[in-house]
Amino acid sequence: MNLRNWMKKTKVGHLLWRIFIGVLGGGITILGAIALIGPGPGVLIFLAGLGILATEFAWAGQALLKTKKIAQSAADKSGLPLWAKYLLVAGGLLVSIIAVLIYYAK
């Protein structure tokens, strides 16, 4: 039995679990919003926080679906074939990994 199911057995446990998820997901979402204007992967952190919130709150799930729809629309408007999008993502990932390795090699 996992922690989530164990906590949700009682009304108090269910409420405590929702509070825990709300605080954790909300905190990560706030950090992501701060990282949007500062250095760091703000969008990814923000979406991770929303993803955590979506496990317990329907409004966060709807926000994620709307965000996914907007991202898909933007990707479709780019006019790039799917293989080119994958190549760009893979290239960006490779550059990021190399940059981290160079940074920590010092």
N, C-alpha and C. Protein backbone atom coordinates (compact mmCIF):
# COMPACT_ATOMS: atom_id res chain seq x y z
N MET A 1 0.85 -1.18 0.00
CA MET A 1 0.00 0.00 0.00
C MET A 1 0.90 1.24 0.00
N ASN A 2 0.58 2.19 -0.87
CA ASN A 2 1.42 3.38 -0.91
C ASN A 2 0.90 4.45 0.05
N LEU A 3 1.72 5.46 0.26
CA LEU A 3 1.42 6.52 1.22
C LEU A 3 0.13 7.25 0.86
N ARG A 4 -0.06 7.51 -0.41
CA ARG A 4 -1.24 8.26 -0.85
C ARG A 4 -2.53 7.53 -0.48
N ASN A 5 -2.61 6.24 -0.79
CA ASN A 5 -3.81 5.48 -0.45
C ASN A 5 -4.01 5.37 1.06
N TRP A 6 -2.91 5.21 1.78
CA TRP A 6 -3.00 5.12 3.23
C TRP A 6 -3.53 6.41 3.83
N MET A 7 -3.05 7.56 3.31
CA MET A 7 -3.49 8.86 3.81
C MET A 7 -4.96 9.12 3.48
N LYS A 8 -5.42 8.65 2.35
CA LYS A 8 -6.77 8.95 1.89
C LYS A 8 -7.84 8.05 2.50
N LYS A 9 -7.46 7.17 3.41
CA LYS A 9 -8.44 6.28 4.03
C LYS A 9 -9.44 7.03 4.90
N THR A 10 -9.00 8.11 5.52
CA THR A 10 -9.89 8.88 6.40
C THR A 10 -10.08 10.28 5.82
N LYS A 11 -11.11 10.97 6.29
CA LYS A 11 -11.36 12.34 5.81
C LYS A 11 -10.24 13.28 6.23
N VAL A 12 -9.75 13.10 7.44
CA VAL A 12 -8.66 13.95 7.91
C VAL A 12 -7.39 13.69 7.08
N GLY A 13 -7.10 12.42 6.84
CA GLY A 13 -5.94 12.09 6.02
C GLY A 13 -6.06 12.63 4.61
N HIS A 14 -7.27 12.55 4.06
CA HIS A 14 -7.51 13.09 2.71
C HIS A 14 -7.27 14.60 2.69
N LEU A 15 -7.76 15.29 3.71
CA LEU A 15 -7.56 16.74 3.79
C LEU A 15 -6.08 17.07 3.96
N LEU A 16 -5.39 16.33 4.83
CA LEU A 16 -3.96 16.57 5.02
C LEU A 16 -3.17 16.31 3.74
N TRP A 17 -3.55 15.28 3.00
CA TRP A 17 -2.88 14.98 1.74
C TRP A 17 -3.07 16.11 0.73
N ARG A 18 -4.30 16.61 0.64
CA ARG A 18 -4.57 17.72 -0.29
C ARG A 18 -3.81 18.97 0.12
N ILE A 19 -3.71 19.23 1.41
CA ILE A 19 -2.93 20.39 1.88
C ILE A 19 -1.46 20.20 1.53
N PHE A 20 -0.94 18.98 1.76
CA PHE A 20 0.46 18.70 1.43
C PHE A 20 0.73 18.92 -0.06
N ILE A 21 -0.14 18.37 -0.91
CA ILE A 21 0.03 18.53 -2.36
C ILE A 21 -0.12 20.00 -2.74
N GLY A 22 -1.06 20.70 -2.12
CA GLY A 22 -1.25 22.11 -2.42
C GLY A 22 -0.04 22.95 -2.07
N VAL A 23 0.54 22.69 -0.91
CA VAL A 23 1.72 23.45 -0.48
C VAL A 23 2.92 23.10 -1.36
N LEU A 24 3.14 21.81 -1.59
CA LEU A 24 4.27 21.38 -2.41
C LEU A 24 4.14 21.89 -3.85
N GLY A 25 3.02 21.61 -4.49
CA GLY A 25 2.81 22.05 -5.87
C GLY A 25 2.77 23.55 -6.00
N GLY A 26 2.11 24.21 -5.03
CA GLY A 26 2.06 25.67 -5.07
C GLY A 26 3.42 26.30 -4.91
N GLY A 27 4.23 25.73 -4.00
CA GLY A 27 5.58 26.26 -3.81
C GLY A 27 6.44 26.10 -5.06
N ILE A 28 6.36 24.95 -5.69
CA ILE A 28 7.13 24.74 -6.92
C ILE A 28 6.63 25.64 -8.04
N THR A 29 5.31 25.83 -8.11
CA THR A 29 4.75 26.72 -9.12
C THR A 29 5.23 28.16 -8.90
N ILE A 30 5.26 28.59 -7.65
CA ILE A 30 5.74 29.95 -7.33
C ILE A 30 7.22 30.09 -7.68
N LEU A 31 8.02 29.06 -7.36
CA LEU A 31 9.44 29.10 -7.74
C LEU A 31 9.59 29.18 -9.26
N GLY A 32 8.74 28.46 -9.98
CA GLY A 32 8.78 28.54 -11.44
C GLY A 32 8.42 29.92 -11.95
N ALA A 33 7.43 30.55 -11.32
CA ALA A 33 7.04 31.90 -11.72
C ALA A 33 8.18 32.88 -11.46
N ILE A 34 8.88 32.70 -10.35
CA ILE A 34 10.04 33.56 -10.04
C ILE A 34 11.15 33.32 -11.06
N ALA A 35 11.35 32.05 -11.41
CA ALA A 35 12.41 31.72 -12.37
C ALA A 35 12.08 32.20 -13.78
N LEU A 36 10.81 32.51 -14.04
CA LEU A 36 10.47 33.06 -15.36
C LEU A 36 11.17 34.39 -15.61
N ILE A 37 11.30 35.21 -14.55
CA ILE A 37 11.94 36.51 -14.72
C ILE A 37 13.42 36.47 -14.34
N GLY A 38 13.84 35.40 -13.70
CA GLY A 38 15.23 35.25 -13.32
C GLY A 38 15.88 34.16 -14.16
N PRO A 39 17.11 33.83 -13.81
CA PRO A 39 17.78 32.76 -14.56
C PRO A 39 17.21 31.40 -14.18
N GLY A 40 17.14 30.54 -15.15
CA GLY A 40 16.67 29.20 -14.87
C GLY A 40 15.54 28.78 -15.79
N PRO A 41 15.22 27.51 -15.75
CA PRO A 41 14.16 26.98 -16.61
C PRO A 41 12.78 27.23 -15.99
N GLY A 42 12.35 28.47 -15.97
CA GLY A 42 11.11 28.85 -15.30
C GLY A 42 9.88 28.14 -15.82
N VAL A 43 9.77 27.99 -17.11
CA VAL A 43 8.58 27.36 -17.69
C VAL A 43 8.49 25.90 -17.24
N LEU A 44 9.61 25.19 -17.26
CA LEU A 44 9.60 23.79 -16.86
C LEU A 44 9.27 23.62 -15.38
N ILE A 45 9.83 24.48 -14.54
CA ILE A 45 9.54 24.42 -13.11
C ILE A 45 8.07 24.74 -12.85
N PHE A 46 7.57 25.76 -13.54
CA PHE A 46 6.16 26.15 -13.41
C PHE A 46 5.24 25.00 -13.80
N LEU A 47 5.53 24.35 -14.93
CA LEU A 47 4.71 23.23 -15.38
C LEU A 47 4.83 22.03 -14.45
N ALA A 48 5.99 21.82 -13.86
CA ALA A 48 6.15 20.73 -12.90
C ALA A 48 5.26 20.98 -11.68
N GLY A 49 5.22 22.21 -11.21
CA GLY A 49 4.35 22.55 -10.08
C GLY A 49 2.89 22.35 -10.43
N LEU A 50 2.50 22.76 -11.61
CA LEU A 50 1.11 22.53 -12.05
C LEU A 50 0.81 21.04 -12.17
N GLY A 51 1.77 20.27 -12.62
CA GLY A 51 1.59 18.83 -12.73
C GLY A 51 1.36 18.19 -11.37
N ILE A 52 2.10 18.64 -10.38
CA ILE A 52 1.89 18.13 -9.02
C ILE A 52 0.52 18.52 -8.51
N LEU A 53 0.13 19.77 -8.73
CA LEU A 53 -1.19 20.22 -8.30
C LEU A 53 -2.31 19.47 -9.02
N ALA A 54 -2.08 19.10 -10.27
CA ALA A 54 -3.10 18.42 -11.07
C ALA A 54 -3.40 17.02 -10.55
N THR A 55 -2.52 16.46 -9.72
CA THR A 55 -2.82 15.15 -9.17
C THR A 55 -3.97 15.18 -8.17
N GLU A 56 -4.28 16.35 -7.64
CA GLU A 56 -5.36 16.47 -6.65
C GLU A 56 -6.41 17.51 -7.00
N PHE A 57 -6.09 18.46 -7.86
CA PHE A 57 -7.00 19.58 -8.12
C PHE A 57 -7.35 19.63 -9.61
N ALA A 58 -8.64 19.61 -9.90
CA ALA A 58 -9.11 19.58 -11.29
C ALA A 58 -8.73 20.85 -12.04
N TRP A 59 -8.75 22.01 -11.38
CA TRP A 59 -8.45 23.27 -12.06
C TRP A 59 -7.01 23.26 -12.59
N ALA A 60 -6.09 22.62 -11.87
CA ALA A 60 -4.71 22.56 -12.33
C ALA A 60 -4.60 21.64 -13.55
N GLY A 61 -5.38 20.57 -13.56
CA GLY A 61 -5.40 19.69 -14.74
C GLY A 61 -5.92 20.41 -15.96
N GLN A 62 -6.96 21.23 -15.78
CA GLN A 62 -7.50 22.02 -16.89
C GLN A 62 -6.46 23.03 -17.39
N ALA A 63 -5.72 23.64 -16.45
CA ALA A 63 -4.67 24.59 -16.84
C ALA A 63 -3.58 23.90 -17.64
N LEU A 64 -3.22 22.68 -17.25
CA LEU A 64 -2.21 21.92 -18.00
C LEU A 64 -2.70 21.58 -19.40
N LEU A 65 -3.98 21.18 -19.51
CA LEU A 65 -4.53 20.86 -20.83
C LEU A 65 -4.56 22.09 -21.73
N LYS A 66 -4.93 23.24 -21.16
CA LYS A 66 -4.94 24.47 -21.95
C LYS A 66 -3.53 24.86 -22.39
N THR A 67 -2.57 24.69 -21.50
CA THR A 67 -1.18 24.99 -21.83
C THR A 67 -0.68 24.07 -22.93
N LYS A 68 -1.03 22.78 -22.83
CA LYS A 68 -0.63 21.83 -23.86
C LYS A 68 -1.24 22.20 -25.21
N LYS A 69 -2.49 22.64 -25.20
CA LYS A 69 -3.16 23.03 -26.44
C LYS A 69 -2.48 24.26 -27.07
N ILE A 70 -2.11 25.22 -26.23
CA ILE A 70 -1.41 26.42 -26.72
C ILE A 70 -0.05 26.05 -27.29
N ALA A 71 0.68 25.17 -26.59
CA ALA A 71 2.00 24.75 -27.07
C ALA A 71 1.89 23.98 -28.38
N GLN A 72 0.87 23.13 -28.50
CA GLN A 72 0.67 22.38 -29.75
C GLN A 72 0.33 23.32 -30.90
N SER A 73 -0.49 24.33 -30.61
CA SER A 73 -0.84 25.31 -31.64
C SER A 73 0.41 26.08 -32.11
N ALA A 74 1.26 26.47 -31.15
CA ALA A 74 2.49 27.18 -31.51
C ALA A 74 3.42 26.28 -32.31
N ALA A 75 3.50 25.00 -31.93
CA ALA A 75 4.36 24.07 -32.67
C ALA A 75 3.84 23.86 -34.09
N ASP A 76 2.51 23.80 -34.24
CA ASP A 76 1.93 23.63 -35.57
C ASP A 76 2.17 24.85 -36.45
N LYS A 77 2.15 26.03 -35.84
CA LYS A 77 2.36 27.27 -36.60
C LYS A 77 3.81 27.43 -37.06
N SER A 78 4.74 26.70 -36.41
CA SER A 78 6.14 26.85 -36.79
C SER A 78 6.40 26.32 -38.19
N GLY A 79 5.60 25.36 -38.63
CA GLY A 79 5.75 24.83 -39.98
C GLY A 79 6.89 23.85 -40.15
N LEU A 80 7.57 23.50 -39.06
CA LEU A 80 8.66 22.55 -39.15
C LEU A 80 8.13 21.12 -39.16
N PRO A 81 8.74 20.24 -39.94
CA PRO A 81 8.33 18.84 -39.87
C PRO A 81 8.71 18.24 -38.51
N LEU A 82 8.07 17.16 -38.17
CA LEU A 82 8.26 16.55 -36.85
C LEU A 82 9.71 16.14 -36.61
N TRP A 83 10.37 15.62 -37.64
CA TRP A 83 11.75 15.19 -37.46
C TRP A 83 12.65 16.37 -37.12
N ALA A 84 12.36 17.56 -37.69
CA ALA A 84 13.17 18.75 -37.41
C ALA A 84 12.96 19.22 -35.97
N LYS A 85 11.72 19.10 -35.48
CA LYS A 85 11.45 19.48 -34.09
C LYS A 85 12.21 18.56 -33.14
N TYR A 86 12.17 17.25 -33.44
CA TYR A 86 12.91 16.30 -32.61
C TYR A 86 14.41 16.57 -32.66
N LEU A 87 14.91 16.91 -33.83
CA LEU A 87 16.33 17.22 -33.98
C LEU A 87 16.72 18.46 -33.17
N LEU A 88 15.87 19.48 -33.18
CA LEU A 88 16.14 20.68 -32.40
C LEU A 88 16.15 20.39 -30.90
N VAL A 89 15.18 19.61 -30.44
CA VAL A 89 15.13 19.26 -29.02
C VAL A 89 16.34 18.43 -28.63
N ALA A 90 16.70 17.45 -29.44
CA ALA A 90 17.86 16.61 -29.15
C ALA A 90 19.15 17.43 -29.17
N GLY A 91 19.26 18.34 -30.12
CA GLY A 91 20.43 19.21 -30.18
C GLY A 91 20.53 20.12 -28.96
N GLY A 92 19.41 20.68 -28.55
CA GLY A 92 19.39 21.52 -27.36
C GLY A 92 19.77 20.73 -26.11
N LEU A 93 19.28 19.52 -26.03
CA LEU A 93 19.62 18.66 -24.90
C LEU A 93 21.11 18.33 -24.89
N LEU A 94 21.64 18.03 -26.05
CA LEU A 94 23.06 17.71 -26.16
C LEU A 94 23.93 18.91 -25.77
N VAL A 95 23.57 20.09 -26.25
CA VAL A 95 24.31 21.30 -25.90
C VAL A 95 24.23 21.56 -24.40
N SER A 96 23.06 21.35 -23.81
CA SER A 96 22.90 21.55 -22.37
C SER A 96 23.78 20.58 -21.57
N ILE A 97 23.79 19.32 -21.98
CA ILE A 97 24.61 18.33 -21.27
C ILE A 97 26.08 18.67 -21.38
N ILE A 98 26.52 19.06 -22.57
CA ILE A 98 27.93 19.44 -22.76
C ILE A 98 28.27 20.66 -21.91
N ALA A 99 27.37 21.65 -21.86
CA ALA A 99 27.62 22.85 -21.07
C ALA A 99 27.73 22.51 -19.59
N VAL A 100 26.89 21.62 -19.10
CA VAL A 100 26.96 21.23 -17.69
C VAL A 100 28.25 20.48 -17.42
N LEU A 101 28.64 19.59 -18.31
CA LEU A 101 29.88 18.85 -18.14
C LEU A 101 31.10 19.78 -18.13
N ILE A 102 31.11 20.75 -19.02
CA ILE A 102 32.21 21.71 -19.06
C ILE A 102 32.24 22.55 -17.80
N TYR A 103 31.05 22.96 -17.33
CA TYR A 103 30.95 23.79 -16.13
C TYR A 103 31.49 23.05 -14.91
N TYR A 104 31.11 21.78 -14.76
CA TYR A 104 31.52 21.02 -13.59
C TYR A 104 32.89 20.37 -13.74
N ALA A 105 33.50 20.44 -14.90
CA ALA A 105 34.82 19.86 -15.09
C ALA A 105 35.91 20.76 -14.52
N LYS A 106 35.58 21.99 -14.25
CA LYS A 106 36.58 22.94 -13.73
C LYS A 106 36.97 22.66 -12.33
